[in-house]
N, C-alpha and C. Protein backbone atom coordinates (compact mmCIF):
# COMPACT_ATOMS: atom_id res chain seq x y z
N MET A 1 0.86 -1.18 0.00
CA MET A 1 0.00 0.00 0.00
C MET A 1 0.88 1.22 0.00
N ALA A 2 0.63 2.09 -0.87
CA ALA A 2 1.50 3.28 -1.02
C ALA A 2 1.35 4.20 0.17
N ALA A 3 2.54 4.72 0.58
CA ALA A 3 2.54 5.65 1.73
C ALA A 3 1.89 6.95 1.35
N GLU A 4 1.22 7.49 2.29
CA GLU A 4 0.55 8.77 2.03
C GLU A 4 1.57 9.90 2.02
N ALA A 5 1.43 10.76 1.05
CA ALA A 5 2.35 11.92 0.97
C ALA A 5 1.98 12.95 1.99
N LYS A 6 3.02 13.36 2.73
CA LYS A 6 2.79 14.39 3.75
C LYS A 6 2.80 15.76 3.10
N PRO A 7 1.88 16.57 3.50
CA PRO A 7 1.87 17.92 2.91
C PRO A 7 3.13 18.70 3.29
N ALA A 8 3.68 19.39 2.31
CA ALA A 8 4.92 20.16 2.56
C ALA A 8 4.62 21.33 3.48
N THR A 9 5.51 21.47 4.42
CA THR A 9 5.33 22.58 5.37
C THR A 9 6.17 23.76 4.92
N ALA A 10 5.58 24.88 4.93
CA ALA A 10 6.29 26.10 4.50
C ALA A 10 7.31 26.51 5.55
N PRO A 11 8.50 26.97 5.13
CA PRO A 11 9.51 27.41 6.11
C PRO A 11 8.98 28.60 6.91
N PRO A 12 9.43 28.67 8.14
CA PRO A 12 8.92 29.78 8.96
C PRO A 12 9.27 31.13 8.36
N ALA A 13 8.32 31.98 8.39
CA ALA A 13 8.54 33.32 7.79
C ALA A 13 9.54 34.10 8.62
N LYS A 14 10.45 34.78 7.90
CA LYS A 14 11.45 35.61 8.58
C LYS A 14 10.81 36.91 9.01
N THR A 15 11.06 37.20 10.22
CA THR A 15 10.53 38.47 10.73
C THR A 15 11.63 39.52 10.64
N THR A 16 11.35 40.60 10.08
CA THR A 16 12.33 41.70 9.95
C THR A 16 11.98 42.80 10.91
N GLU A 17 13.00 43.16 11.69
CA GLU A 17 12.79 44.25 12.63
C GLU A 17 13.06 45.57 11.94
N PRO A 18 12.27 46.51 12.22
CA PRO A 18 12.50 47.83 11.59
C PRO A 18 13.84 48.40 12.04
N HIS A 19 14.59 48.97 11.06
CA HIS A 19 15.89 49.58 11.39
C HIS A 19 15.68 50.77 12.32
N ALA A 20 16.63 50.83 13.26
CA ALA A 20 16.54 51.98 14.17
C ALA A 20 16.87 53.25 13.40
N ALA A 21 16.14 54.25 13.63
CA ALA A 21 16.38 55.53 12.93
C ALA A 21 17.74 56.08 13.33
N SER A 22 18.55 56.47 12.30
CA SER A 22 19.89 57.01 12.59
C SER A 22 19.76 58.33 13.33
N ALA A 23 20.71 58.51 14.29
CA ALA A 23 20.66 59.72 15.11
C ALA A 23 20.96 60.94 14.24
N PRO A 24 20.25 61.98 14.38
CA PRO A 24 20.50 63.19 13.57
C PRO A 24 21.84 63.81 13.93
N LEU A 25 22.57 64.35 12.90
CA LEU A 25 23.86 65.01 13.14
C LEU A 25 23.64 66.28 13.95
N PRO A 26 24.57 66.52 14.87
CA PRO A 26 24.40 67.75 15.66
C PRO A 26 24.52 68.97 14.79
N ALA A 27 23.70 69.90 15.02
CA ALA A 27 23.74 71.15 14.23
C ALA A 27 24.98 71.94 14.61
N SER A 28 25.67 72.56 13.59
CA SER A 28 26.86 73.35 13.86
C SER A 28 26.49 74.59 14.65
N VAL A 29 27.35 74.86 15.64
CA VAL A 29 27.08 76.01 16.50
C VAL A 29 27.81 77.22 15.93
N PRO A 30 27.16 78.28 15.63
CA PRO A 30 27.84 79.45 15.06
C PRO A 30 28.81 80.07 16.06
N LEU A 31 29.94 80.64 15.51
CA LEU A 31 30.93 81.30 16.36
C LEU A 31 30.35 82.57 16.95
N THR A 32 30.69 82.78 18.18
CA THR A 32 30.31 84.06 18.76
C THR A 32 31.27 85.13 18.28
N ARG A 33 30.91 86.35 18.46
CA ARG A 33 31.78 87.46 18.04
C ARG A 33 33.12 87.41 18.76
N ARG A 34 33.09 87.07 20.05
CA ARG A 34 34.33 87.02 20.82
C ARG A 34 35.24 85.91 20.30
N GLU A 35 34.65 84.72 20.00
CA GLU A 35 35.46 83.62 19.48
C GLU A 35 36.07 83.99 18.13
N PHE A 36 35.27 84.62 17.28
CA PHE A 36 35.78 85.02 15.97
C PHE A 36 36.96 85.99 16.11
N LEU A 37 36.82 86.95 17.01
CA LEU A 37 37.90 87.92 17.21
C LEU A 37 39.14 87.25 17.77
N ASN A 38 38.94 86.26 18.66
CA ASN A 38 40.09 85.54 19.22
C ASN A 38 40.84 84.78 18.13
N TYR A 39 40.09 84.08 17.26
CA TYR A 39 40.73 83.33 16.17
C TYR A 39 41.45 84.29 15.21
N ALA A 40 40.81 85.41 14.92
CA ALA A 40 41.43 86.38 14.01
C ALA A 40 42.71 86.94 14.61
N TRP A 41 42.68 87.19 15.92
CA TRP A 41 43.87 87.73 16.59
C TRP A 41 45.01 86.72 16.56
N LEU A 42 44.69 85.45 16.83
CA LEU A 42 45.73 84.42 16.81
C LEU A 42 46.32 84.25 15.42
N ALA A 43 45.46 84.31 14.40
CA ALA A 43 45.96 84.19 13.03
C ALA A 43 46.87 85.37 12.68
N SER A 44 46.47 86.57 13.10
CA SER A 44 47.30 87.75 12.83
C SER A 44 48.63 87.66 13.55
N LEU A 45 48.60 87.18 14.81
CA LEU A 45 49.83 87.03 15.57
C LEU A 45 50.77 86.05 14.90
N GLY A 46 50.23 84.94 14.43
CA GLY A 46 51.06 83.96 13.74
C GLY A 46 51.69 84.53 12.49
N PHE A 47 50.90 85.31 11.75
CA PHE A 47 51.43 85.93 10.52
C PHE A 47 52.56 86.90 10.84
N VAL A 48 52.35 87.71 11.88
CA VAL A 48 53.38 88.68 12.26
C VAL A 48 54.65 87.98 12.69
N LEU A 49 54.53 86.89 13.46
CA LEU A 49 55.71 86.17 13.92
C LEU A 49 56.48 85.56 12.75
N VAL A 50 55.74 84.98 11.81
CA VAL A 50 56.41 84.37 10.65
C VAL A 50 57.12 85.42 9.82
N VAL A 51 56.40 86.51 9.51
CA VAL A 51 56.99 87.57 8.70
C VAL A 51 58.14 88.24 9.44
N GLY A 52 57.94 88.49 10.75
CA GLY A 52 58.98 89.14 11.53
C GLY A 52 60.24 88.30 11.62
N PHE A 53 60.07 87.00 11.84
CA PHE A 53 61.23 86.12 11.92
C PHE A 53 61.96 86.06 10.59
N GLY A 54 61.17 85.97 9.52
CA GLY A 54 61.79 85.93 8.20
C GLY A 54 62.52 87.22 7.89
N GLY A 55 61.91 88.37 8.28
CA GLY A 55 62.57 89.65 8.04
C GLY A 55 63.83 89.80 8.85
N ALA A 56 63.80 89.34 10.11
CA ALA A 56 65.00 89.42 10.94
C ALA A 56 66.11 88.55 10.38
N THR A 57 65.74 87.36 9.90
CA THR A 57 66.75 86.49 9.30
C THR A 57 67.40 87.15 8.10
N TYR A 58 66.57 87.76 7.26
CA TYR A 58 67.11 88.45 6.09
C TYR A 58 67.98 89.62 6.52
N PHE A 59 67.52 90.37 7.54
CA PHE A 59 68.23 91.57 8.00
C PHE A 59 69.63 91.21 8.47
N PHE A 60 69.75 90.11 9.25
CA PHE A 60 71.05 89.76 9.80
C PHE A 60 71.89 88.91 8.85
N SER A 61 71.28 88.40 7.80
CA SER A 61 72.03 87.57 6.86
C SER A 61 72.79 88.40 5.83
N PHE A 62 72.36 89.63 5.62
CA PHE A 62 72.97 90.47 4.60
C PHE A 62 73.42 91.79 5.22
N PRO A 63 74.53 92.33 4.79
CA PRO A 63 75.01 93.59 5.35
C PRO A 63 74.04 94.73 5.07
N ARG A 64 73.88 95.60 6.05
CA ARG A 64 72.93 96.70 5.91
C ARG A 64 73.49 97.82 5.06
N PHE A 65 74.80 98.05 5.14
CA PHE A 65 75.38 99.20 4.49
C PHE A 65 76.50 98.78 3.55
N LYS A 66 76.61 99.51 2.48
CA LYS A 66 77.67 99.27 1.52
C LYS A 66 78.88 100.13 1.86
N ALA A 67 80.03 99.71 1.38
CA ALA A 67 81.24 100.51 1.56
C ALA A 67 81.04 101.84 0.85
N GLY A 68 81.45 102.91 1.51
CA GLY A 68 81.34 104.23 0.91
C GLY A 68 80.03 104.94 1.19
N GLU A 69 79.17 104.37 2.05
CA GLU A 69 77.96 105.07 2.47
C GLU A 69 77.92 105.06 3.99
N PHE A 70 77.25 106.07 4.55
CA PHE A 70 77.24 106.20 6.01
C PHE A 70 76.69 104.93 6.66
N GLY A 71 77.41 104.46 7.67
CA GLY A 71 77.08 103.20 8.31
C GLY A 71 77.98 102.08 7.84
N GLY A 72 78.73 102.34 6.77
CA GLY A 72 79.65 101.35 6.23
C GLY A 72 81.10 101.81 6.39
N VAL A 73 81.97 101.17 5.66
CA VAL A 73 83.41 101.44 5.75
C VAL A 73 83.83 102.38 4.63
N PHE A 74 84.64 103.38 4.98
CA PHE A 74 85.18 104.32 4.01
C PHE A 74 86.68 104.08 3.88
N ALA A 75 87.10 103.57 2.74
CA ALA A 75 88.53 103.42 2.44
C ALA A 75 88.96 104.71 1.74
N LEU A 76 89.67 105.56 2.47
CA LEU A 76 89.95 106.91 1.97
C LEU A 76 91.14 106.99 1.03
N GLY A 77 92.01 105.99 1.07
CA GLY A 77 93.19 106.02 0.22
C GLY A 77 94.47 106.02 1.04
N LYS A 78 95.58 106.27 0.37
CA LYS A 78 96.87 106.27 1.05
C LYS A 78 96.94 107.40 2.07
N ALA A 79 97.48 107.07 3.23
CA ALA A 79 97.53 108.04 4.32
C ALA A 79 98.25 109.32 3.90
N GLY A 80 99.33 109.19 3.16
CA GLY A 80 100.09 110.36 2.74
C GLY A 80 99.31 111.28 1.83
N ASP A 81 98.26 110.76 1.18
CA ASP A 81 97.48 111.57 0.24
C ASP A 81 96.24 112.19 0.87
N VAL A 82 95.72 111.58 1.92
CA VAL A 82 94.41 112.01 2.43
C VAL A 82 94.47 112.64 3.82
N LEU A 83 95.58 112.49 4.53
CA LEU A 83 95.62 113.01 5.89
C LEU A 83 95.92 114.51 5.91
N PRO A 84 95.21 115.25 6.76
CA PRO A 84 95.56 116.66 6.94
C PRO A 84 96.87 116.78 7.72
N LYS A 85 97.59 117.86 7.48
CA LYS A 85 98.83 118.11 8.22
C LYS A 85 98.48 118.61 9.63
N PRO A 86 99.45 118.56 10.56
CA PRO A 86 99.14 118.99 11.94
C PRO A 86 98.56 120.39 12.04
N ASP A 87 98.99 121.31 11.20
CA ASP A 87 98.49 122.68 11.28
C ASP A 87 97.29 122.94 10.37
N ASP A 88 96.87 121.93 9.62
CA ASP A 88 95.72 122.09 8.73
C ASP A 88 94.41 122.03 9.51
N PRO A 89 93.37 122.70 9.02
CA PRO A 89 92.05 122.53 9.65
C PRO A 89 91.53 121.12 9.38
N PRO A 90 90.63 120.64 10.21
CA PRO A 90 90.04 119.31 9.98
C PRO A 90 89.34 119.25 8.62
N ILE A 91 89.29 118.06 8.05
CA ILE A 91 88.64 117.83 6.76
C ILE A 91 87.27 117.20 7.00
N HIS A 92 86.24 117.78 6.39
CA HIS A 92 84.88 117.25 6.57
C HIS A 92 84.53 116.30 5.43
N ASN A 93 84.17 115.08 5.78
CA ASN A 93 83.68 114.11 4.80
C ASN A 93 82.16 114.05 4.94
N GLN A 94 81.47 114.69 4.00
CA GLN A 94 80.01 114.80 4.11
C GLN A 94 79.31 113.46 3.93
N GLU A 95 79.80 112.62 3.01
CA GLU A 95 79.16 111.32 2.79
C GLU A 95 79.28 110.43 4.03
N GLY A 96 80.44 110.46 4.65
CA GLY A 96 80.65 109.63 5.84
C GLY A 96 80.22 110.28 7.13
N LYS A 97 79.89 111.59 7.08
CA LYS A 97 79.42 112.33 8.25
C LYS A 97 80.47 112.35 9.36
N PHE A 98 81.71 112.65 8.98
CA PHE A 98 82.76 112.75 9.99
C PHE A 98 83.76 113.83 9.62
N TRP A 99 84.45 114.32 10.65
CA TRP A 99 85.57 115.24 10.50
C TRP A 99 86.85 114.46 10.75
N LEU A 100 87.83 114.64 9.88
CA LEU A 100 89.13 114.00 10.04
C LEU A 100 90.12 115.07 10.49
N ALA A 101 90.68 114.90 11.69
CA ALA A 101 91.56 115.92 12.26
C ALA A 101 92.91 115.33 12.63
N ASN A 102 93.95 116.12 12.38
CA ASN A 102 95.31 115.75 12.78
C ASN A 102 95.63 116.48 14.08
N VAL A 103 95.82 115.70 15.13
CA VAL A 103 96.08 116.27 16.46
C VAL A 103 97.49 115.86 16.89
N ASN A 104 98.44 116.77 16.69
CA ASN A 104 99.83 116.52 17.09
C ASN A 104 100.39 115.23 16.47
N GLY A 105 100.12 115.04 15.19
CA GLY A 105 100.67 113.89 14.49
C GLY A 105 99.88 112.60 14.66
N ALA A 106 98.68 112.70 15.20
CA ALA A 106 97.79 111.54 15.32
C ALA A 106 96.44 111.91 14.70
N ILE A 107 95.72 110.90 14.23
CA ILE A 107 94.48 111.12 13.48
C ILE A 107 93.27 110.68 14.29
N ILE A 108 92.22 111.49 14.19
CA ILE A 108 90.95 111.14 14.83
C ILE A 108 89.81 111.45 13.86
N ALA A 109 88.77 110.62 13.89
CA ALA A 109 87.57 110.84 13.07
C ALA A 109 86.41 111.13 14.02
N LEU A 110 85.83 112.32 13.89
CA LEU A 110 84.76 112.76 14.77
C LEU A 110 83.42 112.75 14.04
N TYR A 111 82.42 112.12 14.65
CA TYR A 111 81.07 112.14 14.10
C TYR A 111 80.59 113.58 14.06
N ASP A 112 80.03 114.01 12.91
CA ASP A 112 79.78 115.45 12.71
C ASP A 112 78.46 115.96 13.30
N VAL A 113 77.86 115.21 14.21
CA VAL A 113 76.61 115.62 14.85
C VAL A 113 76.88 116.03 16.29
N CYS A 114 76.40 117.20 16.67
CA CYS A 114 76.58 117.68 18.04
C CYS A 114 75.85 116.74 19.00
N VAL A 115 76.51 116.44 20.12
CA VAL A 115 75.94 115.48 21.08
C VAL A 115 74.87 116.11 21.97
N HIS A 116 74.59 117.41 21.76
CA HIS A 116 73.54 118.05 22.57
C HIS A 116 72.16 117.69 22.02
N LEU A 117 71.82 118.26 20.86
CA LEU A 117 70.50 118.00 20.28
C LEU A 117 70.57 117.61 18.80
N GLY A 118 71.75 117.22 18.35
CA GLY A 118 71.85 116.67 17.00
C GLY A 118 72.06 117.67 15.87
N CYS A 119 72.44 118.90 16.18
CA CYS A 119 72.75 119.86 15.12
C CYS A 119 74.11 119.52 14.51
N LEU A 120 74.38 120.09 13.34
CA LEU A 120 75.67 119.90 12.69
C LEU A 120 76.60 121.04 13.09
N TYR A 121 77.65 120.72 13.82
CA TYR A 121 78.62 121.74 14.22
C TYR A 121 79.59 122.00 13.08
N ASP A 122 80.44 123.00 13.24
CA ASP A 122 81.39 123.35 12.18
C ASP A 122 82.71 123.77 12.80
N TRP A 123 83.75 123.73 11.98
CA TRP A 123 85.08 124.15 12.43
C TRP A 123 85.22 125.65 12.23
N GLN A 124 85.68 126.34 13.26
CA GLN A 124 85.89 127.77 13.21
C GLN A 124 87.39 128.05 13.19
N THR A 125 87.87 128.50 12.04
CA THR A 125 89.32 128.70 11.88
C THR A 125 89.84 129.79 12.81
N VAL A 126 89.07 130.85 13.00
CA VAL A 126 89.53 131.97 13.83
C VAL A 126 89.76 131.53 15.27
N SER A 127 88.81 130.80 15.83
CA SER A 127 88.93 130.36 17.22
C SER A 127 89.69 129.04 17.35
N GLY A 128 89.84 128.33 16.23
CA GLY A 128 90.55 127.06 16.26
C GLY A 128 89.83 125.99 17.05
N ARG A 129 88.51 125.90 16.88
CA ARG A 129 87.73 124.89 17.60
C ARG A 129 86.43 124.61 16.85
N PHE A 130 85.78 123.54 17.24
CA PHE A 130 84.46 123.22 16.70
C PHE A 130 83.40 123.95 17.51
N GLU A 131 82.39 124.51 16.80
CA GLU A 131 81.31 125.21 17.49
C GLU A 131 79.97 124.83 16.87
N CYS A 132 78.99 124.63 17.75
CA CYS A 132 77.65 124.30 17.28
C CYS A 132 76.84 125.58 17.13
N PRO A 133 76.25 125.82 15.96
CA PRO A 133 75.50 127.07 15.74
C PRO A 133 74.15 127.10 16.44
N CYS A 134 73.66 125.95 16.90
CA CYS A 134 72.31 125.91 17.48
C CYS A 134 72.28 126.42 18.92
N HIS A 135 73.17 125.88 19.76
CA HIS A 135 73.10 126.23 21.18
C HIS A 135 74.46 126.57 21.77
N GLY A 136 75.48 126.69 20.91
CA GLY A 136 76.75 127.22 21.37
C GLY A 136 77.72 126.27 22.02
N SER A 137 77.51 124.96 21.91
CA SER A 137 78.49 124.03 22.48
C SER A 137 79.80 124.14 21.70
N LYS A 138 80.92 124.03 22.41
CA LYS A 138 82.24 124.21 21.80
C LYS A 138 83.14 123.03 22.17
N TYR A 139 84.01 122.66 21.21
CA TYR A 139 84.88 121.50 21.40
C TYR A 139 86.27 121.80 20.81
N THR A 140 87.28 121.15 21.36
CA THR A 140 88.63 121.30 20.83
C THR A 140 88.77 120.52 19.53
N LYS A 141 89.96 120.59 18.95
CA LYS A 141 90.21 119.93 17.66
C LYS A 141 90.05 118.42 17.74
N ASP A 142 90.30 117.84 18.91
CA ASP A 142 90.13 116.39 19.05
C ASP A 142 88.75 116.02 19.59
N GLY A 143 87.83 117.02 19.65
CA GLY A 143 86.46 116.76 20.05
C GLY A 143 86.18 116.86 21.53
N THR A 144 87.17 117.26 22.32
CA THR A 144 86.97 117.37 23.76
C THR A 144 86.05 118.55 24.09
N TYR A 145 85.12 118.33 24.99
CA TYR A 145 84.16 119.37 25.39
C TYR A 145 84.88 120.56 26.02
N ILE A 146 84.44 121.78 25.63
CA ILE A 146 84.97 123.02 26.22
C ILE A 146 83.89 123.69 27.06
N GLU A 147 82.77 124.01 26.42
CA GLU A 147 81.68 124.68 27.13
C GLU A 147 80.38 124.53 26.34
N GLY A 148 79.27 124.90 27.01
CA GLY A 148 77.97 124.81 26.37
C GLY A 148 77.12 123.71 26.97
N PRO A 149 75.91 123.53 26.45
CA PRO A 149 74.96 122.57 27.03
C PRO A 149 75.23 121.10 26.67
N ALA A 150 76.20 120.83 25.82
CA ALA A 150 76.48 119.44 25.44
C ALA A 150 76.86 118.62 26.68
N PRO A 151 76.35 117.39 26.80
CA PRO A 151 76.62 116.58 28.00
C PRO A 151 77.96 115.86 27.98
N ARG A 152 78.64 115.85 26.83
CA ARG A 152 79.88 115.09 26.74
C ARG A 152 80.70 115.59 25.55
N SER A 153 81.87 115.03 25.39
CA SER A 153 82.70 115.34 24.23
C SER A 153 82.10 114.70 22.98
N LEU A 154 82.62 115.10 21.82
CA LEU A 154 82.08 114.58 20.56
C LEU A 154 82.32 113.08 20.43
N ASP A 155 81.41 112.42 19.73
CA ASP A 155 81.55 110.99 19.47
C ASP A 155 82.60 110.76 18.39
N ARG A 156 83.29 109.63 18.49
CA ARG A 156 84.36 109.30 17.54
C ARG A 156 83.99 108.07 16.73
N MET A 157 84.67 107.89 15.62
CA MET A 157 84.50 106.70 14.79
C MET A 157 85.79 105.89 14.79
N VAL A 158 85.65 104.60 14.65
CA VAL A 158 86.81 103.71 14.64
C VAL A 158 87.57 103.88 13.32
N ILE A 159 88.88 104.08 13.41
CA ILE A 159 89.72 104.19 12.22
C ILE A 159 90.81 103.13 12.27
N GLN A 160 91.33 102.82 11.08
CA GLN A 160 92.41 101.84 10.96
C GLN A 160 93.39 102.28 9.89
N PHE A 161 94.64 101.89 10.09
CA PHE A 161 95.63 101.94 9.02
C PHE A 161 95.83 100.51 8.54
N VAL A 162 95.68 100.33 7.23
CA VAL A 162 95.65 98.98 6.66
C VAL A 162 96.69 98.85 5.56
N ALA A 163 97.34 97.69 5.51
CA ALA A 163 98.30 97.38 4.44
C ALA A 163 97.95 96.00 3.88
N GLY A 164 97.57 95.97 2.60
CA GLY A 164 97.22 94.69 1.99
C GLY A 164 96.09 93.97 2.70
N ASN A 165 95.07 94.71 3.09
CA ASN A 165 93.89 94.18 3.80
C ASN A 165 94.21 93.69 5.21
N GLN A 166 95.41 93.96 5.68
CA GLN A 166 95.78 93.59 7.04
C GLN A 166 95.87 94.85 7.91
N PRO A 167 95.06 94.94 8.98
CA PRO A 167 95.12 96.13 9.83
C PRO A 167 96.45 96.22 10.58
N LEU A 168 97.06 97.39 10.51
CA LEU A 168 98.32 97.64 11.22
C LEU A 168 98.08 98.33 12.55
N ALA A 169 97.07 99.19 12.60
CA ALA A 169 96.74 99.91 13.84
C ALA A 169 95.26 100.25 13.82
N THR A 170 94.63 100.18 15.00
CA THR A 170 93.19 100.43 15.12
C THR A 170 92.93 101.32 16.33
N SER A 171 91.89 102.14 16.24
CA SER A 171 91.51 102.99 17.37
C SER A 171 91.32 102.17 18.64
N ASP A 172 91.66 102.78 19.78
CA ASP A 172 91.43 102.08 21.04
C ASP A 172 89.97 102.22 21.45
N ALA A 173 89.63 101.68 22.61
CA ALA A 173 88.23 101.65 23.05
C ALA A 173 87.65 103.04 23.27
N LYS A 174 88.51 104.04 23.52
CA LYS A 174 88.03 105.41 23.73
C LYS A 174 87.98 106.20 22.43
N GLY A 175 88.56 105.66 21.37
CA GLY A 175 88.59 106.38 20.10
C GLY A 175 89.58 107.53 20.10
N ASP A 176 90.61 107.44 20.93
CA ASP A 176 91.62 108.51 20.99
C ASP A 176 92.37 108.60 19.67
N PRO A 177 93.01 109.76 19.41
CA PRO A 177 93.76 109.92 18.15
C PRO A 177 94.76 108.78 17.94
N LEU A 178 94.82 108.31 16.70
CA LEU A 178 95.66 107.17 16.34
C LEU A 178 96.94 107.67 15.67
N ALA A 179 98.08 107.23 16.20
CA ALA A 179 99.36 107.69 15.67
C ALA A 179 99.52 107.32 14.20
N ILE A 180 100.03 108.26 13.42
CA ILE A 180 100.24 108.03 12.00
C ILE A 180 101.49 107.18 11.81
N PRO A 181 101.40 106.07 11.07
CA PRO A 181 102.59 105.22 10.87
C PRO A 181 103.62 105.93 10.00
N SER A 182 104.87 105.49 10.14
CA SER A 182 105.95 106.11 9.35
C SER A 182 105.78 105.83 7.87
N ASP A 183 105.20 104.69 7.53
CA ASP A 183 104.95 104.36 6.13
C ASP A 183 103.60 104.94 5.73
N THR A 184 103.62 106.08 5.07
CA THR A 184 102.37 106.75 4.72
C THR A 184 101.74 106.20 3.45
N SER A 185 102.28 105.08 2.94
CA SER A 185 101.64 104.44 1.79
C SER A 185 100.52 103.50 2.24
N VAL A 186 100.39 103.29 3.55
CA VAL A 186 99.31 102.45 4.05
C VAL A 186 97.99 103.18 3.86
N GLU A 187 96.91 102.42 3.85
CA GLU A 187 95.59 102.99 3.58
C GLU A 187 94.87 103.35 4.87
N LEU A 188 94.16 104.46 4.82
CA LEU A 188 93.36 104.90 5.97
C LEU A 188 91.91 104.48 5.76
N VAL A 189 91.34 103.82 6.76
CA VAL A 189 89.96 103.33 6.69
C VAL A 189 89.18 103.87 7.89
N VAL A 190 87.99 104.40 7.62
CA VAL A 190 87.10 104.88 8.69
C VAL A 190 85.84 104.03 8.67
N ASN A 191 85.52 103.45 9.82
CA ASN A 191 84.31 102.63 9.93
C ASN A 191 83.20 103.47 10.55
N THR A 192 82.31 103.99 9.72
CA THR A 192 81.24 104.86 10.22
C THR A 192 80.12 104.09 10.91
N GLY A 193 80.21 102.76 10.89
CA GLY A 193 79.22 101.95 11.58
C GLY A 193 79.61 101.67 13.02
N LYS A 194 80.83 102.07 13.41
CA LYS A 194 81.30 101.87 14.78
C LYS A 194 81.61 103.23 15.39
N ILE A 195 80.66 103.73 16.16
CA ILE A 195 80.78 105.05 16.78
C ILE A 195 81.03 104.88 18.28
N ILE A 196 82.05 105.56 18.76
CA ILE A 196 82.42 105.50 20.18
C ILE A 196 81.92 106.77 20.86
N GLU A 197 81.15 106.61 21.91
CA GLU A 197 80.57 107.76 22.60
C GLU A 197 81.65 108.57 23.31
N GLY A 198 81.56 109.89 23.18
CA GLY A 198 82.52 110.77 23.83
C GLY A 198 82.39 110.72 25.34
N ALA A 199 83.47 111.11 26.02
CA ALA A 199 83.49 111.07 27.48
C ALA A 199 82.60 112.15 28.07
N SER A 200 81.88 111.81 29.14
CA SER A 200 81.05 112.78 29.84
C SER A 200 81.93 113.75 30.62
N HIS A 201 81.39 114.91 30.91
CA HIS A 201 82.14 115.90 31.69
C HIS A 201 81.35 116.27 32.94
N GLY A 202 82.02 116.94 33.85
CA GLY A 202 81.34 117.42 35.04
C GLY A 202 81.18 116.37 36.11
């Protein structure tokens, strides 16, 4: 006797759970005026620091002054050709802003600005001294203070006698007159970037 066929049973239906709704993204919070100003200030500060550092690097990496301009070195030539004689009046170098004076056989370079209020003083042949036309300060041939409102003697510049790019003699720390070497074929150099303050008086 043939076996009875069993009715096919349907597989259990899959139940699908509804997907959970994704959480909404948080809304962006607008910057307050104070926060915006703070960020702007920080950005500006960073820019200034970067530019300032770069400028300082450039400034110190390259010389500021060229030879032959104020603040640089003046190679005046052979001492025998450019030095004033002991009885000669001082020589004014306008480009270098200094007076070159022979004081008893020694040379000094004086910055041509009065130390009182910055006027340009001049050499007076009759009185044999430097005098400021603005307020009457007076100085000797080597720049030593005589009288007037100036607080100190005239400022000096560093000078050298050079032979073949080798310095033979250089101004001392006070900038006192430098003795002229016997060999006047050596070159005289004035460094207008190195100014020595004159001695105070009183």
